Amino acid sequence: MIELGVNIDHVATVRQARRTYEPDPAIAAALAEQGGADGITFHLREDRRHIQDRDVEVLMQTVTVKTNLELACADDVLAIALRVRPDWALLVPESRQEVTTEGGLNVAADDGRIAAAIGRLKDQGILTSLFVDPDSDQVAAAAKLGADAVELHTGPYALAQRGAINDELDRLRTAGQVAIESGLRLHAGHGLNYTNVRPVAKLPGMIELNIGHSIVSRAVMVGMKEAVAEMRRILDVCCP
């Protein structure tokens, strides 16, 4: 069975649009759990554009499924991760100008910063995943740095049209095979929705999908519990 991680960042995005107290990401996380989420993902950005420090504290005290803290290798957010000790830390690149994460980490060109972050996280018993493009060299580099998993960036697949869809799936499949052969857990995420998720879920060795925007968007219409339950049903049918 594919594990479903629900990213609740955009619940906080709605809240921060008015700098108020609602909607509450912690309540969204609880409802996501009721809908069948296997994990809750939340991204503490350097610019704090959505999830805030207090959200991290509350989520770590209230989430009963797996916690997955997404962060860059910045000292301040890394220090928070080391203190609150999520089950997983997902290291990602960040740009202040981007609307959302636009690409994977360049692990192959690491100057020691990613390796140092992985070492510090692992010293605290935190499992580490690296968000990478579906590139065999990047996946192999992640394994060499001692990551526990890679999360393949599915954005290009989600945006692809017609024949390019199969090309992007082939890239994901090839990179996934390298991950499996390297002893890494295989995760994927970014841009996945109720329509395009099935082929990625069916990739050999896929263990976990992290999905946020489409579930939160659906939740606006039907509620968080039902939105997660709908995605859970799709994954259960295609990958029992």
Protein backbone atom coordinates (compact mmCIF):
# COMPACT_ATOMS: atom_id res chain seq x y z
CA MET A 1 0.00 0.00 0.00
CA ILE A 2 1.28 3.47 -0.92
CA GLU A 3 1.78 5.78 2.06
CA LEU A 4 0.03 9.14 1.70
CA GLY A 5 1.68 12.20 3.19
CA VAL A 6 -0.57 15.27 3.25
CA ASN A 7 1.15 18.63 2.99
CA ILE A 8 -0.83 21.27 4.91
CA ASP A 9 1.27 24.32 3.96
CA HIS A 10 -1.47 25.94 1.91
CA VAL A 11 -3.90 25.88 4.79
CA ALA A 12 -1.42 28.27 6.40
CA THR A 13 -1.17 30.20 3.12
CA VAL A 14 -4.88 31.04 3.38
CA ARG A 15 -4.46 32.08 7.01
CA GLN A 16 -1.42 34.26 6.32
CA ALA A 17 -3.29 36.12 3.58
CA ARG A 18 -5.11 37.89 6.42
CA ARG A 19 -2.51 37.41 9.18
CA THR A 20 -5.21 35.92 11.37
CA TYR A 21 -5.66 32.68 13.33
CA GLU A 22 -7.76 30.68 10.88
CA PRO A 23 -7.76 28.25 9.20
CA ASP A 24 -5.56 26.40 11.67
CA PRO A 25 -3.01 23.97 10.12
CA ALA A 26 -3.17 21.78 13.24
CA ILE A 27 -6.91 21.27 12.84
CA ALA A 28 -6.36 20.53 9.14
CA ALA A 29 -3.74 17.95 10.11
CA ALA A 30 -6.14 16.24 12.54
CA LEU A 31 -8.83 16.07 9.85
CA ALA A 32 -6.28 14.74 7.35
CA GLU A 33 -5.45 11.96 9.79
CA GLN A 34 -9.16 11.12 10.07
CA GLY A 35 -9.31 10.95 6.28
CA GLY A 36 -6.53 8.37 6.14
CA ALA A 37 -3.26 10.31 5.92
CA ASP A 38 -0.21 8.25 6.84
CA GLY A 39 1.87 11.35 7.48
CA ILE A 40 1.67 15.13 7.76
CA THR A 41 4.15 17.28 5.85
CA PHE A 42 4.81 20.94 6.65
CA HIS A 43 7.44 23.27 5.24
CA LEU A 44 9.07 25.84 7.53
CA ARG A 45 10.45 28.29 5.00
CA GLU A 46 13.19 30.78 5.74
CA ASP A 47 10.79 33.65 4.94
CA ARG A 48 7.94 32.06 6.99
CA ARG A 49 5.48 32.74 4.18
CA HIS A 50 3.00 30.13 5.41
CA ILE A 51 3.92 27.71 8.22
CA GLN A 52 5.13 29.60 11.30
CA ASP A 53 7.41 28.50 14.14
CA ARG A 54 4.42 28.11 16.46
CA ASP A 55 2.70 25.85 13.92
CA VAL A 56 5.67 23.50 14.04
CA GLU A 57 5.50 23.36 17.82
CA VAL A 58 1.74 22.66 17.86
CA LEU A 59 1.92 20.09 15.07
CA MET A 60 4.70 18.20 16.79
CA GLN A 61 2.55 18.01 19.93
CA THR A 62 -0.69 16.99 18.21
CA VAL A 63 0.02 14.93 15.07
CA THR A 64 -0.25 11.21 15.83
CA VAL A 65 0.95 9.89 12.45
CA LYS A 66 4.36 10.38 10.87
CA THR A 67 5.70 13.95 10.83
CA ASN A 68 7.71 15.21 7.86
CA LEU A 69 9.32 18.63 8.27
CA GLU A 70 10.37 20.18 4.97
CA LEU A 71 13.23 22.66 5.21
CA ALA A 72 16.26 24.17 3.53
CA CYS A 73 19.76 23.74 4.96
CA ALA A 74 19.50 27.14 6.68
CA ASP A 75 20.88 27.27 10.21
CA ASP A 76 17.76 28.70 11.89
CA VAL A 77 15.27 26.18 10.52
CA LEU A 78 17.75 23.34 10.92
CA ALA A 79 18.11 24.26 14.60
CA ILE A 80 14.33 24.03 15.01
CA ALA A 81 14.26 20.63 13.33
CA LEU A 82 17.00 19.35 15.63
CA ARG A 83 15.05 20.54 18.66
CA VAL A 84 11.55 19.28 17.79
CA ARG A 85 12.75 16.04 16.17
CA PRO A 86 10.23 15.18 13.46
CA ASP A 87 10.18 11.60 12.21
CA TRP A 88 11.47 12.78 8.84
CA ALA A 89 13.27 15.86 7.56
CA LEU A 90 12.91 16.61 3.85
CA LEU A 91 15.73 18.84 2.63
CA VAL A 92 14.75 21.10 -0.28
CA PRO A 93 16.20 24.10 -2.11
CA GLU A 94 14.61 27.50 -1.52
CA SER A 95 14.46 30.77 -3.41
CA ARG A 96 12.78 33.85 -1.97
CA GLN A 97 11.31 34.70 -5.40
CA GLU A 98 9.70 31.34 -6.13
CA VAL A 99 5.97 30.74 -5.66
CA THR A 100 6.65 27.13 -4.71
CA THR A 101 9.67 24.82 -4.82
CA GLU A 102 10.81 24.93 -8.44
CA GLY A 103 13.36 22.15 -8.64
CA GLY A 104 15.37 19.57 -6.78
CA LEU A 105 18.50 19.93 -4.73
CA ASN A 106 21.75 19.81 -6.66
CA VAL A 107 23.11 17.05 -4.46
CA ALA A 108 25.84 16.10 -6.91
CA ALA A 109 27.42 19.55 -6.53
CA ASP A 110 27.15 19.66 -2.73
CA ASP A 111 29.93 21.68 -1.14
CA GLY A 112 29.43 19.96 2.21
CA ARG A 113 26.36 21.86 3.39
CA ILE A 114 23.85 19.11 2.58
CA ALA A 115 26.14 16.41 3.96
CA ALA A 116 26.58 18.36 7.20
CA ALA A 117 22.82 18.84 7.57
CA ILE A 118 22.19 15.13 7.03
CA GLY A 119 24.81 14.27 9.63
CA ARG A 120 23.33 16.60 12.23
CA LEU A 121 19.81 15.32 11.63
CA LYS A 122 20.84 11.69 11.81
CA ASP A 123 22.69 12.37 15.07
CA GLN A 124 19.27 13.29 16.54
CA GLY A 125 17.63 10.15 15.15
CA ILE A 126 15.79 12.02 12.39
CA LEU A 127 15.36 10.18 9.10
CA THR A 128 16.38 12.29 6.13
CA SER A 129 14.98 12.56 2.62
CA LEU A 130 16.33 14.72 -0.20
CA PHE A 131 14.06 16.37 -2.76
CA VAL A 132 15.74 15.75 -6.11
CA ASP A 133 14.95 15.92 -9.78
CA PRO A 134 14.46 12.51 -11.43
CA ASP A 135 18.10 12.32 -12.43
CA SER A 136 20.17 9.19 -11.80
CA ASP A 137 23.30 11.15 -10.85
CA GLN A 138 21.42 13.16 -8.24
CA VAL A 139 19.86 10.04 -6.76
CA ALA A 140 23.22 8.27 -6.61
CA ALA A 141 24.75 11.32 -4.93
CA ALA A 142 21.96 11.30 -2.33
CA ALA A 143 22.81 7.71 -1.46
CA LYS A 144 26.50 8.57 -1.09
CA LEU A 145 25.67 11.37 1.34
CA GLY A 146 23.81 8.93 3.59
CA ALA A 147 20.20 9.98 2.97
CA ASP A 148 17.50 7.53 3.95
CA ALA A 149 15.20 8.39 1.05
CA VAL A 150 14.81 10.54 -2.03
CA GLU A 151 11.62 12.35 -2.95
CA LEU A 152 11.50 12.59 -6.73
CA HIS A 153 10.33 15.96 -8.05
CA THR A 154 7.19 15.22 -10.08
CA GLY A 155 6.56 18.82 -11.16
CA PRO A 156 7.74 18.34 -14.78
CA TYR A 157 5.56 15.23 -15.06
CA ALA A 158 2.55 17.11 -13.68
CA LEU A 159 3.03 19.90 -16.25
CA ALA A 160 3.80 17.63 -19.21
CA GLN A 161 1.36 17.25 -22.08
CA ARG A 162 0.65 14.44 -24.53
CA GLY A 163 3.73 12.41 -25.47
CA ALA A 164 5.92 14.24 -22.98
CA ILE A 165 4.00 12.61 -20.14
CA ASN A 166 5.48 9.20 -20.95
CA ASP A 167 8.94 10.73 -21.27
CA GLU A 168 8.66 12.20 -17.78
CA LEU A 169 7.35 8.91 -16.41
CA ASP A 170 10.37 7.16 -17.91
CA ARG A 171 12.65 9.63 -16.15
CA LEU A 172 10.89 8.96 -12.86
CA ARG A 173 11.04 5.21 -13.41
CA THR A 174 14.78 5.23 -14.21
CA ALA A 175 15.64 7.45 -11.25
CA GLY A 176 13.45 5.33 -9.01
CA GLN A 177 15.30 2.19 -10.03
CA VAL A 178 18.61 3.82 -9.09
CA ALA A 179 17.14 4.74 -5.71
CA ILE A 180 16.01 1.19 -5.06
CA GLU A 181 19.33 -0.29 -6.14
CA SER A 182 21.10 2.21 -3.85
CA GLY A 183 19.05 1.13 -0.83
CA LEU A 184 17.00 4.35 -0.63
CA ARG A 185 13.30 4.61 0.14
CA LEU A 186 11.46 5.96 -2.90
CA HIS A 187 9.11 8.90 -2.37
CA ALA A 188 7.63 11.37 -4.85
CA GLY A 189 5.75 14.64 -4.82
CA HIS A 190 4.99 18.06 -6.32
CA GLY A 191 2.07 18.84 -8.58
CA LEU A 192 0.36 15.49 -8.07
CA ASN A 193 -3.42 15.56 -8.10
CA TYR A 194 -6.49 13.34 -8.31
CA THR A 195 -6.08 12.91 -12.07
CA ASN A 196 -2.35 12.34 -12.57
CA VAL A 197 -1.37 10.46 -9.40
CA ARG A 198 -2.02 6.88 -10.51
CA PRO A 199 0.93 6.35 -12.90
CA VAL A 200 3.38 7.70 -10.31
CA ALA A 201 1.88 5.55 -7.55
CA LYS A 202 2.34 2.50 -9.77
CA LEU A 203 6.05 3.08 -10.39
CA PRO A 204 8.13 0.09 -9.20
CA GLY A 205 9.31 0.49 -5.63
CA MET A 206 7.24 3.59 -4.85
CA ILE A 207 6.59 3.79 -1.10
CA GLU A 208 5.27 7.27 -0.34
CA LEU A 209 3.61 10.20 -2.08
CA ASN A 210 3.46 13.67 -0.55
CA ILE A 211 0.57 15.74 -1.87
CA GLY A 212 -0.53 19.18 -0.75
CA HIS A 213 -2.00 21.78 -3.06
CA SER A 214 -4.54 19.58 -4.82
CA ILE A 215 -5.81 18.11 -1.55
CA VAL A 216 -6.10 21.52 0.12
CA SER A 217 -7.85 22.87 -3.01
CA ARG A 218 -10.31 19.99 -2.92
CA ALA A 219 -10.79 20.50 0.81
CA VAL A 220 -12.11 24.00 0.14
CA MET A 221 -15.04 22.32 -1.61
CA VAL A 222 -15.64 19.12 0.36
CA GLY A 223 -13.67 19.46 3.61
CA MET A 224 -10.24 18.18 4.53
CA LYS A 225 -11.30 14.77 5.83
CA GLU A 226 -13.21 13.92 2.65
CA ALA A 227 -10.53 15.36 0.35
CA VAL A 228 -7.88 13.13 1.94
CA ALA A 229 -10.25 10.15 1.94
CA GLU A 230 -10.82 10.60 -1.80
CA MET A 231 -7.08 10.51 -2.49
CA ARG A 232 -6.68 7.57 -0.14
CA ARG A 233 -9.32 5.64 -2.09
CA ILE A 234 -7.59 6.35 -5.40
CA LEU A 235 -4.27 5.02 -4.08
CA ASP A 236 -5.89 1.99 -2.45
CA VAL A 237 -7.60 1.00 -5.70
CA CYS A 238 -4.59 1.49 -7.98
CA CYS A 239 -1.99 0.11 -5.56
CA PRO A 240 -3.64 -2.29 -3.10
